[in-house]
Amino acid sequence: MNATVSSDRLEFGPPPTPGALRSFALAVLAHAFLVAALTLGVQWRREAVTVTAEAELWSALPQQAAPAPVEVAPEPAPPPVAAPTAPTPTPAEVDIAIEREKQRLKNEKLEHDKQQKAEREKERLKAEKLAQEKKRLHDKQAALDKQKLEKEKQRKQALQAQQDAKNSEIRRNEVINNALSKAGATGAQGSTGTALQSSGPSASYKGRIAAYFKAHRIGYLGAGNPKVVVRFSTSPDGTVIGKSLKIVNSSGVKAWDDAVVAALEMAVLPRDTDGRVPPDLELGLSPNDF
């Protein structure tokens, strides 16, 4: 039975490959040749070629060699020179040297103290000068501030005085206008006066004033004929109201101006032809008028 099976397999199996042995032999030969080639290549790179050469030196002319150098013995070193020894100072010289050194140190200390004192004095004077300058600037600024405040105060007072005078004038005019309207003033519709009726000095009133001052001499002894123009108001009895007295045009001679002002302040002016004293007057007075 086994023989039958074996014969069946061979009968139905693939045919054997032709040339298989020859191919295997060629492959082994090729591998052996490759191994040999690699071995020879490695050996060729490792071997080094050594070249040996020989040379001979010769001269065409005969020459003699130079004599050997003669050794010269070195000169003996000079004996060392001994350093001069300082003389040993005596005890007296030592004491003198110590005293001199003490004096030198003392002088240096005195000089140093003197310099320090001078520096301190210089710094003190500098600080004092700076303090004085600072005080001067402070006082100057304080004076300027005070002057500025004083001017501002005076300006405000002047403005207030002007306003008060204006208000007083307004109130006075209102009172007078009310009084005149009730009393029946006779002035024109556009009149700005305050009297019940228009009035003024007569042509002869200046002569009355001249006669008055001739009787009451004005205290003036100067030369020339200066003329001063004055304006003032009077009360009904002829007394000059001092606050209203003003010099409109000075004569240029202060003595005459003062004399006229003083005489008017004490004067009681005469009445005019209508039996009244003009309430407001403006006069030009000179010495020749009297």
Protein backbone atom coordinates (compact mmCIF):
# COMPACT_ATOMS: atom_id res chain seq x y z
CA MET A 1 0.00 0.00 0.00
CA ASN A 2 2.82 2.41 0.80
CA ALA A 3 4.52 1.66 -2.44
CA THR A 4 1.35 2.51 -4.20
CA VAL A 5 1.07 5.89 -2.49
CA SER A 6 4.73 6.77 -3.25
CA SER A 7 4.36 5.97 -6.85
CA ASP A 8 1.21 8.12 -6.98
CA ARG A 9 3.00 11.13 -5.61
CA LEU A 10 5.91 10.92 -8.01
CA GLU A 11 3.49 10.47 -10.79
CA PHE A 12 1.49 13.57 -10.03
CA GLY A 13 4.40 15.83 -8.58
CA PRO A 14 6.17 18.71 -10.43
CA PRO A 15 8.98 17.76 -12.76
CA PRO A 16 12.59 18.25 -11.41
CA THR A 17 14.34 21.58 -12.24
CA PRO A 18 16.93 21.14 -14.99
CA GLY A 19 20.56 22.42 -14.29
CA ALA A 20 20.09 22.91 -10.56
CA LEU A 21 23.43 21.39 -9.68
CA ARG A 22 25.31 23.47 -12.23
CA SER A 23 23.71 26.67 -10.95
CA PHE A 24 24.67 25.85 -7.34
CA ALA A 25 28.30 25.23 -8.36
CA LEU A 26 28.51 28.56 -10.25
CA ALA A 27 27.13 30.43 -7.23
CA VAL A 28 29.73 28.90 -4.89
CA LEU A 29 32.53 29.77 -7.34
CA ALA A 30 31.36 33.38 -7.66
CA HIS A 31 31.26 33.82 -3.90
CA ALA A 32 34.76 32.38 -3.49
CA PHE A 33 36.14 34.73 -6.16
CA LEU A 34 34.49 37.71 -4.43
CA VAL A 35 36.00 36.78 -1.05
CA ALA A 36 39.48 36.46 -2.58
CA ALA A 37 39.20 39.84 -4.32
CA LEU A 38 38.17 41.57 -1.12
CA THR A 39 41.03 39.96 0.82
CA LEU A 40 43.63 41.10 -1.75
CA GLY A 41 42.24 44.66 -1.74
CA VAL A 42 42.52 44.97 2.00
CA GLN A 43 46.06 43.63 2.05
CA TRP A 44 47.17 46.08 -0.71
CA ARG A 45 45.97 49.07 1.28
CA ARG A 46 47.75 47.93 4.48
CA GLU A 47 51.20 47.32 2.95
CA ALA A 48 53.55 50.41 2.81
CA VAL A 49 56.27 50.74 0.20
CA THR A 50 59.65 51.57 1.80
CA VAL A 51 62.25 53.37 -0.42
CA THR A 52 65.88 53.28 0.75
CA ALA A 53 68.53 55.68 -0.67
CA GLU A 54 72.18 56.39 0.10
CA ALA A 55 74.23 59.62 -0.53
CA GLU A 56 77.98 60.31 -0.35
CA LEU A 57 79.44 63.82 0.34
CA TRP A 58 82.74 64.74 -1.28
CA SER A 59 84.71 67.91 -2.15
CA ALA A 60 86.60 68.70 -5.35
CA LEU A 61 89.43 70.62 -3.47
CA PRO A 62 91.23 69.49 -0.31
CA GLN A 63 90.42 71.71 2.77
CA GLN A 64 91.87 71.72 6.31
CA ALA A 65 89.70 71.73 9.33
CA ALA A 66 89.67 74.76 11.65
CA PRO A 67 91.50 74.47 15.00
CA ALA A 68 89.43 73.54 17.98
CA PRO A 69 88.39 76.51 20.18
CA VAL A 70 90.58 77.23 23.18
CA GLU A 71 88.68 77.46 26.43
CA VAL A 72 89.43 80.73 28.31
CA ALA A 73 89.20 80.60 32.05
CA PRO A 74 86.68 83.11 33.46
CA GLU A 75 88.06 86.16 35.32
CA PRO A 76 87.67 85.95 39.06
CA ALA A 77 84.79 88.08 40.43
CA PRO A 78 85.89 91.24 42.30
CA PRO A 79 85.59 91.04 46.04
CA PRO A 80 82.38 92.61 47.37
CA VAL A 81 82.75 96.19 48.56
CA ALA A 82 81.58 96.61 52.07
CA ALA A 83 78.89 99.28 52.55
CA PRO A 84 80.03 102.24 54.63
CA THR A 85 78.69 101.94 58.09
CA ALA A 86 76.98 104.96 59.60
CA PRO A 87 78.67 106.35 62.63
CA THR A 88 76.93 105.46 65.83
CA PRO A 89 75.25 108.60 67.25
CA THR A 90 76.08 109.64 70.75
CA PRO A 91 73.35 109.87 73.43
CA ALA A 92 73.46 113.68 73.20
CA GLU A 93 72.87 113.56 69.43
CA VAL A 94 70.00 111.12 69.97
CA ASP A 95 68.38 113.51 72.48
CA ILE A 96 68.81 116.44 70.08
CA ALA A 97 67.24 114.45 67.23
CA ILE A 98 64.31 113.46 69.47
CA GLU A 99 63.76 117.07 70.54
CA ARG A 100 63.87 118.24 66.92
CA GLU A 101 61.34 115.62 65.89
CA LYS A 102 59.07 116.62 68.77
CA GLN A 103 59.36 120.28 67.78
CA ARG A 104 58.62 119.45 64.12
CA LEU A 105 55.50 117.49 65.09
CA LYS A 106 54.43 120.31 67.40
CA ASN A 107 54.88 122.89 64.61
CA GLU A 108 52.93 120.73 62.19
CA LYS A 109 50.10 120.41 64.72
CA LEU A 110 50.07 124.17 65.33
CA GLU A 111 49.99 124.84 61.58
CA HIS A 112 47.20 122.31 61.13
CA ASP A 113 45.18 123.86 63.97
CA LYS A 114 45.75 127.30 62.47
CA GLN A 115 44.48 126.18 59.08
CA GLN A 116 41.45 124.52 60.67
CA LYS A 117 40.66 127.68 62.62
CA ALA A 118 40.98 129.80 59.46
CA GLU A 119 38.65 127.46 57.59
CA ARG A 120 36.07 127.60 60.40
CA GLU A 121 36.26 131.40 60.49
CA LYS A 122 35.84 131.54 56.72
CA GLU A 123 32.79 129.30 56.89
CA ARG A 124 31.33 131.40 59.73
CA LEU A 125 31.78 134.64 57.78
CA LYS A 126 30.25 133.05 54.70
CA ALA A 127 27.23 131.83 56.66
CA GLU A 128 26.84 135.23 58.31
CA LYS A 129 27.01 136.98 54.95
CA LEU A 130 24.39 134.64 53.51
CA ALA A 131 22.13 135.24 56.50
CA GLN A 132 22.48 139.03 56.12
CA GLU A 133 21.74 138.84 52.41
CA LYS A 134 18.70 136.67 53.08
CA LYS A 135 17.46 139.11 55.73
CA ARG A 136 18.01 142.06 53.38
CA LEU A 137 16.00 140.40 50.62
CA HIS A 138 13.28 139.48 53.11
CA ASP A 139 13.08 143.04 54.45
CA LYS A 140 13.04 144.45 50.92
CA GLN A 141 10.22 142.13 49.91
CA ALA A 142 8.32 142.96 53.09
CA ALA A 143 8.71 146.70 52.38
CA LEU A 144 7.48 146.22 48.82
CA ASP A 145 4.50 144.21 50.03
CA LYS A 146 3.70 146.84 52.65
CA GLN A 147 4.01 149.63 50.09
CA LYS A 148 1.75 147.72 47.71
CA LEU A 149 -0.85 147.17 50.43
CA GLU A 150 -0.68 150.84 51.42
CA LYS A 151 -1.19 151.98 47.82
CA GLU A 152 -4.09 149.59 47.43
CA LYS A 153 -5.58 150.88 50.67
CA GLN A 154 -5.20 154.49 49.56
CA ARG A 155 -6.74 153.67 46.19
CA LYS A 156 -9.72 152.01 47.84
CA GLN A 157 -10.09 154.92 50.25
CA ALA A 158 -9.98 157.41 47.36
CA LEU A 159 -12.59 155.42 45.44
CA GLN A 160 -14.74 155.19 48.55
CA ALA A 161 -14.37 158.92 49.17
CA GLN A 162 -15.37 159.67 45.59
CA GLN A 163 -18.36 157.38 45.89
CA ASP A 164 -19.34 158.91 49.23
CA ALA A 165 -19.05 162.41 47.79
CA LYS A 166 -21.12 161.42 44.79
CA ASN A 167 -23.75 159.81 47.00
CA SER A 168 -23.75 162.83 49.28
CA GLU A 169 -24.16 165.16 46.30
CA ILE A 170 -27.00 163.06 44.99
CA ARG A 171 -28.76 163.09 48.36
CA ARG A 172 -28.15 166.84 48.71
CA ASN A 173 -29.59 167.55 45.29
CA GLU A 174 -32.58 165.37 46.04
CA VAL A 175 -33.22 167.19 49.29
CA ILE A 176 -32.82 170.60 47.65
CA ASN A 177 -34.98 169.66 44.69
CA ASN A 178 -37.69 168.38 46.99
CA ALA A 179 -37.51 171.56 49.06
CA LEU A 180 -37.58 173.78 45.99
CA SER A 181 -40.46 171.90 44.47
CA LYS A 182 -42.43 172.43 47.66
CA ALA A 183 -41.39 176.13 48.04
CA GLY A 184 -42.11 177.05 44.42
CA ALA A 185 -38.74 177.72 42.74
CA THR A 186 -38.75 180.29 39.92
CA GLY A 187 -35.92 178.89 37.82
CA ALA A 188 -36.23 177.76 34.20
CA GLN A 189 -37.26 174.20 33.35
CA GLY A 190 -33.69 173.13 32.43
CA SER A 191 -31.95 175.02 35.23
CA THR A 192 -29.45 173.06 37.34
CA GLY A 193 -29.26 175.60 40.18
CA THR A 194 -30.42 174.99 43.72
CA ALA A 195 -31.65 178.46 44.70
CA LEU A 196 -35.25 179.58 44.61
CA GLN A 197 -34.36 182.27 42.12
CA SER A 198 -31.37 183.01 39.90
CA SER A 199 -28.87 185.30 41.59
CA GLY A 200 -25.31 186.51 41.21
CA PRO A 201 -23.02 189.32 42.35
CA SER A 202 -23.72 192.74 40.99
CA ALA A 203 -21.20 194.67 38.94
CA SER A 204 -20.24 196.71 41.99
CA TYR A 205 -19.80 193.74 44.33
CA LYS A 206 -16.09 193.38 43.59
CA GLY A 207 -15.62 196.97 44.70
CA ARG A 208 -17.37 196.15 47.96
CA ILE A 209 -14.95 193.24 48.49
CA ALA A 210 -11.96 195.49 47.67
CA ALA A 211 -13.18 198.07 50.16
CA TYR A 212 -13.56 195.30 52.75
CA PHE A 213 -9.99 194.06 52.29
CA LYS A 214 -8.63 197.61 52.33
CA ALA A 215 -10.17 198.00 55.73
CA HIS A 216 -8.80 194.58 56.74
CA ARG A 217 -5.32 194.53 55.26
CA ILE A 218 -4.04 191.27 53.74
CA GLY A 219 -0.68 190.35 55.25
CA TYR A 220 1.49 190.50 52.12
CA LEU A 221 4.70 192.55 51.80
CA GLY A 222 6.06 191.08 48.57
CA ALA A 223 6.87 192.92 45.35
CA GLY A 224 4.99 192.70 42.06
CA ASN A 225 1.31 192.29 41.37
CA PRO A 226 0.58 188.53 41.41
CA LYS A 227 -3.01 187.45 40.82
CA VAL A 228 -4.68 184.40 42.28
CA VAL A 229 -8.10 183.07 41.30
CA VAL A 230 -10.10 181.48 44.14
CA ARG A 231 -13.51 179.82 44.31
CA PHE A 232 -15.56 179.36 47.49
CA SER A 233 -19.03 179.23 48.98
CA THR A 234 -20.49 181.47 51.67
CA SER A 235 -23.11 181.17 54.35
CA PRO A 236 -26.04 183.66 54.48
CA ASP A 237 -24.17 185.80 57.02
CA GLY A 238 -21.15 186.21 54.67
CA THR A 239 -18.81 183.70 56.35
CA VAL A 240 -16.62 181.77 53.91
CA ILE A 241 -17.12 178.00 54.16
CA GLY A 242 -13.56 176.80 54.63
CA LYS A 243 -14.01 173.36 53.08
CA SER A 244 -15.23 174.92 49.83
CA LEU A 245 -12.27 177.30 49.47
CA LYS A 246 -10.08 176.27 46.52
CA ILE A 247 -7.37 177.92 44.42
CA VAL A 248 -8.45 177.67 40.80
CA ASN A 249 -5.38 179.36 39.34
CA SER A 250 -2.30 180.02 41.43
CA SER A 251 -0.46 183.31 41.14
CA GLY A 252 2.89 181.59 41.18
CA VAL A 253 3.78 183.40 44.39
CA LYS A 254 3.06 181.11 47.31
CA ALA A 255 3.19 183.96 49.85
CA TRP A 256 0.36 185.85 48.09
CA ASP A 257 -1.72 182.65 47.63
CA ASP A 258 -1.38 181.82 51.33
CA ALA A 259 -2.17 185.40 52.36
CA VAL A 260 -5.41 185.46 50.30
CA VAL A 261 -6.52 182.05 51.59
CA ALA A 262 -5.83 183.07 55.20
CA ALA A 263 -7.74 186.37 54.79
CA LEU A 264 -10.78 184.64 53.24
CA GLU A 265 -10.91 181.98 55.96
CA MET A 266 -11.30 184.79 58.57
CA ALA A 267 -13.45 187.11 56.43
CA VAL A 268 -17.14 188.02 56.76
CA LEU A 269 -17.96 189.32 53.29
CA PRO A 270 -20.21 192.33 52.79
CA ARG A 271 -23.73 192.03 51.42
CA ASP A 272 -24.58 192.86 47.82
CA THR A 273 -27.03 195.49 46.63
CA ASP A 274 -29.94 193.12 47.16
CA GLY A 275 -28.99 192.72 50.82
CA ARG A 276 -27.72 189.15 50.39
CA VAL A 277 -24.27 187.58 50.13
CA PRO A 278 -23.80 185.55 46.90
CA PRO A 279 -23.65 181.86 47.90
CA ASP A 280 -20.94 180.91 45.36
CA LEU A 281 -18.11 183.20 44.23
CA GLU A 282 -15.03 183.01 42.03
CA LEU A 283 -12.69 185.98 42.43
CA GLY A 284 -9.38 187.00 40.97
CA LEU A 285 -7.44 188.96 43.58
CA SER A 286 -4.14 190.85 43.27
CA PRO A 287 -2.34 193.39 45.56
CA ASN A 288 -3.17 196.34 43.28
CA ASP A 289 -6.89 195.69 43.79
CA PHE A 290 -6.50 196.78 47.39
